[in-house]
Amino acid sequence: MEVTTASRSKVYNTKDLLAYFLVAGTGAIVQLVTSSLIQDWFDISFQQSIWPSYLIALIVGFVLTKLFAFDARRTNQTNREMVKFLMVALFSGFVTDIATRLAYFVSSSYFQVFEFQIPFSHKLVNVNEMLCYLFGMGCSFVSNYTLHKTFTFKSTGFYDRLKALIR
Protein backbone atom coordinates (compact mmCIF):
# COMPACT_ATOMS: atom_id res chain seq x y z
CA MET A 1 0.00 0.00 0.00
CA GLU A 2 1.56 3.24 -1.13
CA VAL A 3 1.25 6.34 1.04
CA THR A 4 0.46 9.34 -1.11
CA THR A 5 1.70 12.84 -0.47
CA ALA A 6 -1.88 14.01 0.14
CA SER A 7 -2.52 11.40 2.84
CA ARG A 8 0.88 12.08 4.43
CA SER A 9 0.13 15.82 4.57
CA LYS A 10 -3.17 15.08 6.35
CA VAL A 11 -1.28 13.18 9.04
CA TYR A 12 1.60 15.61 9.32
CA ASN A 13 -0.12 18.98 9.07
CA THR A 14 1.59 21.93 10.72
CA LYS A 15 -1.23 22.97 13.06
CA ASP A 16 -1.69 19.52 14.62
CA LEU A 17 2.04 18.88 14.75
CA LEU A 18 2.72 22.18 16.54
CA ALA A 19 -0.16 21.66 19.00
CA TYR A 20 0.98 18.12 19.71
CA PHE A 21 4.59 19.25 20.11
CA LEU A 22 3.55 21.77 22.79
CA VAL A 23 1.37 19.17 24.55
CA ALA A 24 4.11 16.51 24.33
CA GLY A 25 6.68 19.06 25.53
CA THR A 26 4.58 19.65 28.63
CA GLY A 27 4.32 15.89 29.13
CA ALA A 28 8.09 15.54 28.69
CA ILE A 29 8.71 18.16 31.37
CA VAL A 30 6.30 16.35 33.72
CA GLN A 31 8.08 13.08 32.94
CA LEU A 32 11.57 14.48 33.55
CA VAL A 33 10.61 16.21 36.80
CA THR A 34 8.74 13.19 38.17
CA SER A 35 11.59 10.90 37.13
CA SER A 36 14.04 13.05 39.08
CA LEU A 37 11.77 13.20 42.12
CA ILE A 38 11.10 9.45 42.04
CA GLN A 39 14.83 8.75 41.85
CA ASP A 40 15.47 10.95 44.88
CA TRP A 41 12.49 9.84 46.97
CA PHE A 42 12.81 6.10 46.38
CA ASP A 43 16.57 5.90 45.79
CA ILE A 44 16.28 4.11 42.44
CA SER A 45 18.21 4.38 39.18
CA PHE A 46 17.07 6.50 36.28
CA GLN A 47 16.25 3.32 34.30
CA GLN A 48 13.95 2.18 37.12
CA SER A 49 12.21 5.57 37.12
CA ILE A 50 11.30 5.48 33.42
CA TRP A 51 7.99 3.59 33.73
CA PRO A 52 6.59 5.28 36.87
CA SER A 53 7.31 8.74 35.49
CA TYR A 54 5.98 7.72 32.07
CA LEU A 55 2.69 6.58 33.60
CA ILE A 56 2.28 9.85 35.51
CA ALA A 57 3.00 11.86 32.36
CA LEU A 58 0.53 9.63 30.47
CA ILE A 59 -2.38 10.98 32.53
CA VAL A 60 -1.33 14.57 31.93
CA GLY A 61 -0.75 13.76 28.25
CA PHE A 62 -4.23 12.34 27.68
CA VAL A 63 -6.00 15.34 29.17
CA LEU A 64 -3.86 17.86 27.28
CA THR A 65 -4.02 15.92 24.00
CA LYS A 66 -7.79 15.59 24.27
CA LEU A 67 -8.21 19.30 24.95
CA PHE A 68 -5.61 20.90 22.70
CA ALA A 69 -4.47 18.54 19.93
CA PHE A 70 -6.29 16.92 17.01
CA ASP A 71 -9.56 18.84 17.56
CA ALA A 72 -10.83 16.04 19.84
CA ARG A 73 -12.35 18.24 22.57
CA ARG A 74 -15.98 17.75 21.57
CA THR A 75 -15.97 14.22 20.16
CA ASN A 76 -18.06 12.65 22.96
CA GLN A 77 -15.84 9.58 22.52
CA THR A 78 -13.73 9.96 25.68
CA ASN A 79 -14.02 6.32 26.87
CA ARG A 80 -13.11 5.01 23.44
CA GLU A 81 -10.23 7.48 23.15
CA MET A 82 -8.94 6.56 26.63
CA VAL A 83 -8.74 2.86 25.71
CA LYS A 84 -6.99 3.59 22.43
CA PHE A 85 -4.75 6.21 24.08
CA LEU A 86 -3.67 3.65 26.69
CA MET A 87 -2.84 1.09 23.98
CA VAL A 88 -0.75 3.60 22.04
CA ALA A 89 0.85 4.90 25.25
CA LEU A 90 1.90 1.41 26.34
CA PHE A 91 3.52 0.82 22.96
CA SER A 92 5.23 4.20 23.12
CA GLY A 93 6.32 3.49 26.69
CA PHE A 94 8.25 0.49 25.39
CA VAL A 95 9.71 2.69 22.62
CA THR A 96 10.84 5.20 25.27
CA ASP A 97 12.27 2.50 27.53
CA ILE A 98 14.14 0.58 24.84
CA ALA A 99 15.48 3.68 23.05
CA THR A 100 16.62 5.21 26.36
CA ARG A 101 18.35 2.03 27.52
CA LEU A 102 20.00 1.52 24.12
CA ALA A 103 21.22 5.12 24.01
CA TYR A 104 22.52 4.85 27.57
CA PHE A 105 24.36 1.64 26.74
CA VAL A 106 26.08 3.38 23.82
CA SER A 107 26.72 6.52 25.90
CA SER A 108 28.22 4.65 28.86
CA SER A 109 30.30 2.42 26.57
CA TYR A 110 31.86 5.15 24.43
CA PHE A 111 31.70 8.41 26.37
CA GLN A 112 32.69 9.54 29.82
CA VAL A 113 29.97 10.48 32.29
CA PHE A 114 29.33 14.20 32.59
CA GLU A 115 27.57 15.46 35.71
CA PHE A 116 26.27 18.92 36.49
CA GLN A 117 25.29 20.32 39.87
CA ILE A 118 22.22 22.52 39.80
CA PRO A 119 23.13 25.91 41.28
CA PHE A 120 21.87 26.49 44.84
CA SER A 121 20.90 22.82 45.11
CA HIS A 122 22.31 19.49 46.18
CA LYS A 123 20.93 17.86 43.02
CA LEU A 124 23.60 16.35 40.79
CA VAL A 125 22.37 15.76 37.22
CA ASN A 126 23.91 13.03 35.09
CA VAL A 127 23.86 14.73 31.68
CA ASN A 128 24.42 11.45 29.82
CA GLU A 129 21.31 9.94 31.42
CA MET A 130 19.25 13.03 30.70
CA LEU A 131 20.30 13.17 27.04
CA CYS A 132 19.58 9.46 26.63
CA TYR A 133 16.18 9.95 28.24
CA LEU A 134 15.43 12.86 25.90
CA PHE A 135 16.46 10.67 22.94
CA GLY A 136 14.06 7.94 24.08
CA MET A 137 11.27 10.46 24.54
CA GLY A 138 11.97 11.87 21.06
CA CYS A 139 11.61 8.40 19.53
CA SER A 140 8.37 7.98 21.46
CA PHE A 141 7.13 11.38 20.24
CA VAL A 142 7.24 10.23 16.62
CA SER A 143 5.31 7.01 17.26
CA ASN A 144 2.87 8.76 19.62
CA TYR A 145 2.01 11.55 17.20
CA THR A 146 1.48 9.22 14.26
CA LEU A 147 -0.60 6.67 16.19
CA HIS A 148 -2.70 9.24 18.07
CA LYS A 149 -3.43 11.14 14.87
CA THR A 150 -4.34 8.07 12.80
CA PHE A 151 -5.79 5.76 15.50
CA THR A 152 -6.60 7.21 18.93
CA PHE A 153 -8.52 10.34 17.97
CA LYS A 154 -10.02 8.98 14.77
CA SER A 155 -13.01 6.69 14.47
CA THR A 156 -11.58 3.45 13.10
CA GLY A 157 -14.18 0.96 14.32
CA PHE A 158 -11.49 -0.75 16.43
CA TYR A 159 -13.07 0.16 19.78
CA ASP A 160 -16.46 -1.24 18.73
CA ARG A 161 -14.87 -4.51 17.58
CA LEU A 162 -12.87 -4.74 20.84
CA LYS A 163 -16.00 -4.12 22.93
CA ALA A 164 -17.93 -6.80 21.01
CA LEU A 165 -15.06 -9.24 21.47
CA ILE A 166 -14.99 -8.67 25.25
CA ARG A 167 -18.74 -9.26 25.62
C-alpha atoms as a PDB file:
ATOM      1  CA  MET A   1       0.000   0.000   0.000  1.00  0.00           C
ATOM      2  CA  GLU A   2       1.558   3.238  -1.131  1.00  0.00           C
ATOM      3  CA  VAL A   3       1.254   6.341   1.039  1.00  0.00           C
ATOM      4  CA  THR A   4       0.457   9.341  -1.115  1.00  0.00           C
ATOM      5  CA  THR A   5       1.700  12.844  -0.471  1.00  0.00           C
ATOM      6  CA  ALA A   6      -1.880  14.012   0.143  1.00  0.00           C
ATOM      7  CA  SER A   7      -2.520  11.396   2.841  1.00  0.00           C
ATOM      8  CA  ARG A   8       0.883  12.082   4.426  1.00  0.00           C
ATOM      9  CA  SER A   9       0.129  15.822   4.572  1.00  0.00           C
ATOM     10  CA  LYS A  10      -3.173  15.076   6.347  1.00  0.00           C
ATOM     11  CA  VAL A  11      -1.280  13.176   9.036  1.00  0.00           C
ATOM     12  CA  TYR A  12       1.601  15.608   9.324  1.00  0.00           C
ATOM     13  CA  ASN A  13      -0.124  18.977   9.070  1.00  0.00           C
ATOM     14  CA  THR A  14       1.593  21.935  10.721  1.00  0.00           C
ATOM     15  CA  LYS A  15      -1.234  22.970  13.059  1.00  0.00           C
ATOM     16  CA  ASP A  16      -1.690  19.520  14.617  1.00  0.00           C
ATOM     17  CA  LEU A  17       2.045  18.880  14.745  1.00  0.00           C
ATOM     18  CA  LEU A  18       2.715  22.176  16.543  1.00  0.00           C
ATOM     19  CA  ALA A  19      -0.161  21.664  19.001  1.00  0.00           C
ATOM     20  CA  TYR A  20       0.976  18.119  19.706  1.00  0.00           C
ATOM     21  CA  PHE A  21       4.591  19.248  20.107  1.00  0.00           C
ATOM     22  CA  LEU A  22       3.548  21.769  22.785  1.00  0.00           C
ATOM     23  CA  VAL A  23       1.375  19.166  24.551  1.00  0.00           C
ATOM     24  CA  ALA A  24       4.114  16.515  24.327  1.00  0.00           C
ATOM     25  CA  GLY A  25       6.680  19.058  25.532  1.00  0.00           C
ATOM     26  CA  THR A  26       4.579  19.646  28.635  1.00  0.00           C
ATOM     27  CA  GLY A  27       4.323  15.889  29.130  1.00  0.00           C
ATOM     28  CA  ALA A  28       8.088  15.544  28.688  1.00  0.00           C
ATOM     29  CA  ILE A  29       8.711  18.157  31.375  1.00  0.00           C
ATOM     30  CA  VAL A  30       6.303  16.349  33.722  1.00  0.00           C
ATOM     31  CA  GLN A  31       8.079  13.078  32.942  1.00  0.00           C
ATOM     32  CA  LEU A  32      11.574  14.485  33.549  1.00  0.00           C
ATOM     33  CA  VAL A  33      10.608  16.208  36.800  1.00  0.00           C
ATOM     34  CA  THR A  34       8.738  13.193  38.171  1.00  0.00           C
ATOM     35  CA  SER A  35      11.585  10.900  37.131  1.00  0.00           C
ATOM     36  CA  SER A  36      14.040  13.049  39.076  1.00  0.00           C
ATOM     37  CA  LEU A  37      11.769  13.200  42.121  1.00  0.00           C
ATOM     38  CA  ILE A  38      11.102   9.449  42.039  1.00  0.00           C
ATOM     39  CA  GLN A  39      14.829   8.750  41.848  1.00  0.00           C
ATOM     40  CA  ASP A  40      15.468  10.949  44.879  1.00  0.00           C
ATOM     41  CA  TRP A  41      12.488   9.839  46.969  1.00  0.00           C
ATOM     42  CA  PHE A  42      12.812   6.103  46.376  1.00  0.00           C
ATOM     43  CA  ASP A  43      16.572   5.898  45.795  1.00  0.00           C
ATOM     44  CA  ILE A  44      16.280   4.107  42.444  1.00  0.00           C
ATOM     45  CA  SER A  45      18.213   4.381  39.176  1.00  0.00           C
ATOM     46  CA  PHE A  46      17.075   6.504  36.282  1.00  0.00           C
ATOM     47  CA  GLN A  47      16.251   3.319  34.302  1.00  0.00           C
ATOM     48  CA  GLN A  48      13.953   2.177  37.121  1.00  0.00           C
ATOM     49  CA  SER A  49      12.214   5.567  37.123  1.00  0.00           C
ATOM     50  CA  ILE A  50      11.301   5.485  33.417  1.00  0.00           C
ATOM     51  CA  TRP A  51       7.993   3.595  33.730  1.00  0.00           C
ATOM     52  CA  PRO A  52       6.592   5.276  36.871  1.00  0.00           C
ATOM     53  CA  SER A  53       7.312   8.744  35.494  1.00  0.00           C
ATOM     54  CA  TYR A  54       5.985   7.724  32.070  1.00  0.00           C
ATOM     55  CA  LEU A  55       2.692   6.575  33.604  1.00  0.00           C
ATOM     56  CA  ILE A  56       2.282   9.854  35.511  1.00  0.00           C
ATOM     57  CA  ALA A  57       3.001  11.856  32.357  1.00  0.00           C
ATOM     58  CA  LEU A  58       0.531   9.627  30.466  1.00  0.00           C
ATOM     59  CA  ILE A  59      -2.378  10.982  32.531  1.00  0.00           C
ATOM     60  CA  VAL A  60      -1.328  14.573  31.927  1.00  0.00           C
ATOM     61  CA  GLY A  61      -0.755  13.763  28.254  1.00  0.00           C
ATOM     62  CA  PHE A  62      -4.227  12.343  27.677  1.00  0.00           C
ATOM     63  CA  VAL A  63      -5.995  15.341  29.173  1.00  0.00           C
ATOM     64  CA  LEU A  64      -3.860  17.860  27.281  1.00  0.00           C
ATOM     65  CA  THR A  65      -4.021  15.922  24.004  1.00  0.00           C
ATOM     66  CA  LYS A  66      -7.790  15.585  24.274  1.00  0.00           C
ATOM     67  CA  LEU A  67      -8.209  19.304  24.951  1.00  0.00           C
ATOM     68  CA  PHE A  68      -5.606  20.901  22.700  1.00  0.00           C
ATOM     69  CA  ALA A  69      -4.470  18.541  19.931  1.00  0.00           C
ATOM     70  CA  PHE A  70      -6.287  16.917  17.006  1.00  0.00           C
ATOM     71  CA  ASP A  71      -9.564  18.837  17.557  1.00  0.00           C
ATOM     72  CA  ALA A  72     -10.832  16.040  19.844  1.00  0.00           C
ATOM     73  CA  ARG A  73     -12.348  18.236  22.574  1.00  0.00           C
ATOM     74  CA  ARG A  74     -15.977  17.753  21.569  1.00  0.00           C
ATOM     75  CA  THR A  75     -15.972  14.220  20.161  1.00  0.00           C
ATOM     76  CA  ASN A  76     -18.059  12.649  22.964  1.00  0.00           C
ATOM     77  CA  GLN A  77     -15.844   9.581  22.520  1.00  0.00           C
ATOM     78  CA  THR A  78     -13.725   9.963  25.679  1.00  0.00           C
ATOM     79  CA  ASN A  79     -14.019   6.323  26.869  1.00  0.00           C
ATOM     80  CA  ARG A  80     -13.109   5.012  23.441  1.00  0.00           C
ATOM     81  CA  GLU A  81     -10.232   7.478  23.147  1.00  0.00           C
ATOM     82  CA  MET A  82      -8.942   6.563  26.631  1.00  0.00           C
ATOM     83  CA  VAL A  83      -8.741   2.863  25.714  1.00  0.00           C
ATOM     84  CA  LYS A  84      -6.989   3.586  22.430  1.00  0.00           C
ATOM     85  CA  PHE A  85      -4.748   6.213  24.075  1.00  0.00           C
ATOM     86  CA  LEU A  86      -3.670   3.654  26.687  1.00  0.00           C
ATOM     87  CA  MET A  87      -2.840   1.092  23.984  1.00  0.00           C
ATOM     88  CA  VAL A  88      -0.746   3.602  22.045  1.00  0.00           C
ATOM     89  CA  ALA A  89       0.851   4.902  25.245  1.00  0.00           C
ATOM     90  CA  LEU A  90       1.904   1.414  26.341  1.00  0.00           C
ATOM     91  CA  PHE A  91       3.524   0.815  22.955  1.00  0.00           C
ATOM     92  CA  SER A  92       5.233   4.196  23.116  1.00  0.00           C
ATOM     93  CA  GLY A  93       6.325   3.489  26.693  1.00  0.00           C
ATOM     94  CA  PHE A  94       8.251   0.491  25.385  1.00  0.00           C
ATOM     95  CA  VAL A  95       9.706   2.692  22.624  1.00  0.00           C
ATOM     96  CA  THR A  96      10.841   5.198  25.266  1.00  0.00           C
ATOM     97  CA  ASP A  97      12.273   2.496  27.529  1.00  0.00           C
ATOM     98  CA  ILE A  98      14.143   0.576  24.837  1.00  0.00           C
ATOM     99  CA  ALA A  99      15.484   3.677  23.051  1.00  0.00           C
ATOM    100  CA  THR A 100      16.619   5.208  26.364  1.00  0.00           C
ATOM    101  CA  ARG A 101      18.354   2.033  27.520  1.00  0.00           C
ATOM    102  CA  LEU A 102      20.005   1.518  24.124  1.00  0.00           C
ATOM    103  CA  ALA A 103      21.219   5.125  24.010  1.00  0.00           C
ATOM    104  CA  TYR A 104      22.520   4.846  27.573  1.00  0.00           C
ATOM    105  CA  PHE A 105      24.358   1.636  26.738  1.00  0.00           C
ATOM    106  CA  VAL A 106      26.083   3.385  23.821  1.00  0.00           C
ATOM    107  CA  SER A 107      26.721   6.518  25.904  1.00  0.00           C
ATOM    108  CA  SER A 108      28.222   4.650  28.859  1.00  0.00           C
ATOM    109  CA  SER A 109      30.303   2.422  26.566  1.00  0.00           C
ATOM    110  CA  TYR A 110      31.862   5.151  24.425  1.00  0.00           C
ATOM    111  CA  PHE A 111      31.697   8.414  26.372  1.00  0.00           C
ATOM    112  CA  GLN A 112      32.686   9.545  29.815  1.00  0.00           C
ATOM    113  CA  VAL A 113      29.971  10.481  32.294  1.00  0.00           C
ATOM    114  CA  PHE A 114      29.330  14.202  32.592  1.00  0.00           C
ATOM    115  CA  GLU A 115      27.566  15.460  35.705  1.00  0.00           C
ATOM    116  CA  PHE A 116      26.272  18.918  36.492  1.00  0.00           C
ATOM    117  CA  GLN A 117      25.295  20.318  39.871  1.00  0.00           C
ATOM    118  CA  ILE A 118      22.215  22.516  39.799  1.00  0.00           C
ATOM    119  CA  PRO A 119      23.132  25.912  41.280  1.00  0.00           C
ATOM    120  CA  PHE A 120      21.867  26.494  44.844  1.00  0.00           C
ATOM    121  CA  SER A 121      20.902  22.820  45.114  1.00  0.00           C
ATOM    122  CA  HIS A 122      22.306  19.488  46.180  1.00  0.00           C
ATOM    123  CA  LYS A 123      20.933  17.863  43.016  1.00  0.00           C
ATOM    124  CA  LEU A 124      23.603  16.348  40.786  1.00  0.00           C
ATOM    125  CA  VAL A 125      22.373  15.757  37.225  1.00  0.00           C
ATOM    126  CA  ASN A 126      23.908  13.028  35.086  1.00  0.00           C
ATOM    127  CA  VAL A 127      23.863  14.733  31.678  1.00  0.00           C
ATOM    128  CA  ASN A 128      24.416  11.445  29.820  1.00  0.00           C
ATOM    129  CA  GLU A 129      21.305   9.937  31.420  1.00  0.00           C
ATOM    130  CA  MET A 130      19.245  13.034  30.698  1.00  0.00           C
ATOM    131  CA  LEU A 131      20.302  13.173  27.044  1.00  0.00           C
ATOM    132  CA  CYS A 132      19.581   9.458  26.626  1.00  0.00           C
ATOM    133  CA  TYR A 133      16.181   9.951  28.244  1.00  0.00           C
ATOM    134  CA  LEU A 134      15.434  12.858  25.898  1.00  0.00           C
ATOM    135  CA  PHE A 135      16.462  10.674  22.943  1.00  0.00           C
ATOM    136  CA  GLY A 136      14.056   7.938  24.080  1.00  0.00           C
ATOM    137  CA  MET A 137      11.267  10.460  24.540  1.00  0.00           C
ATOM    138  CA  GLY A 138      11.967  11.870  21.059  1.00  0.00           C
ATOM    139  CA  CYS A 139      11.606   8.403  19.535  1.00  0.00           C
ATOM    140  CA  SER A 140       8.369   7.981  21.464  1.00  0.00           C
ATOM    141  CA  PHE A 141       7.127  11.382  20.240  1.00  0.00           C
ATOM    142  CA  VAL A 142       7.237  10.234  16.617  1.00  0.00           C
ATOM    143  CA  SER A 143       5.309   7.014  17.263  1.00  0.00           C
ATOM    144  CA  ASN A 144       2.867   8.760  19.622  1.00  0.00           C
ATOM    145  CA  TYR A 145       2.011  11.545  17.200  1.00  0.00           C
ATOM    146  CA  THR A 146       1.477   9.218  14.262  1.00  0.00           C
ATOM    147  CA  LEU A 147      -0.604   6.674  16.191  1.00  0.00           C
ATOM    148  CA  HIS A 148      -2.699   9.237  18.071  1.00  0.00           C
ATOM    149  CA  LYS A 149      -3.429  11.138  14.870  1.00  0.00           C
ATOM    150  CA  THR A 150      -4.343   8.065  12.804  1.00  0.00           C
ATOM    151  CA  PHE A 151      -5.787   5.758  15.500  1.00  0.00           C
ATOM    152  CA  THR A 152      -6.601   7.214  18.926  1.00  0.00           C
ATOM    153  CA  PHE A 153      -8.519  10.342  17.971  1.00  0.00           C
ATOM    154  CA  LYS A 154     -10.017   8.982  14.771  1.00  0.00           C
ATOM    155  CA  SER A 155     -13.014   6.692  14.474  1.00  0.00           C
ATOM    156  CA  THR A 156     -11.584   3.449  13.096  1.00  0.00           C
ATOM    157  CA  GLY A 157     -14.181   0.962  14.323  1.00  0.00           C
ATOM    158  CA  PHE A 158     -11.493  -0.753  16.434  1.00  0.00           C
ATOM    159  CA  TYR A 159     -13.070   0.159  19.776  1.00  0.00           C
ATOM    160  CA  ASP A 160     -16.463  -1.239  18.727  1.00  0.00           C
ATOM    161  CA  ARG A 161     -14.872  -4.506  17.577  1.00  0.00           C
ATOM    162  CA  LEU A 162     -12.874  -4.742  20.836  1.00  0.00           C
ATOM    163  CA  LYS A 163     -16.001  -4.120  22.927  1.00  0.00           C
ATOM    164  CA  ALA A 164     -17.926  -6.796  21.008  1.00  0.00           C
ATOM    165  CA  LEU A 165     -15.057  -9.241  21.474  1.00  0.00           C
ATOM    166  CA  ILE A 166     -14.985  -8.667  25.247  1.00  0.00           C
ATOM    167  CA  ARG A 167     -18.744  -9.259  25.619  1.00  0.00           C
END
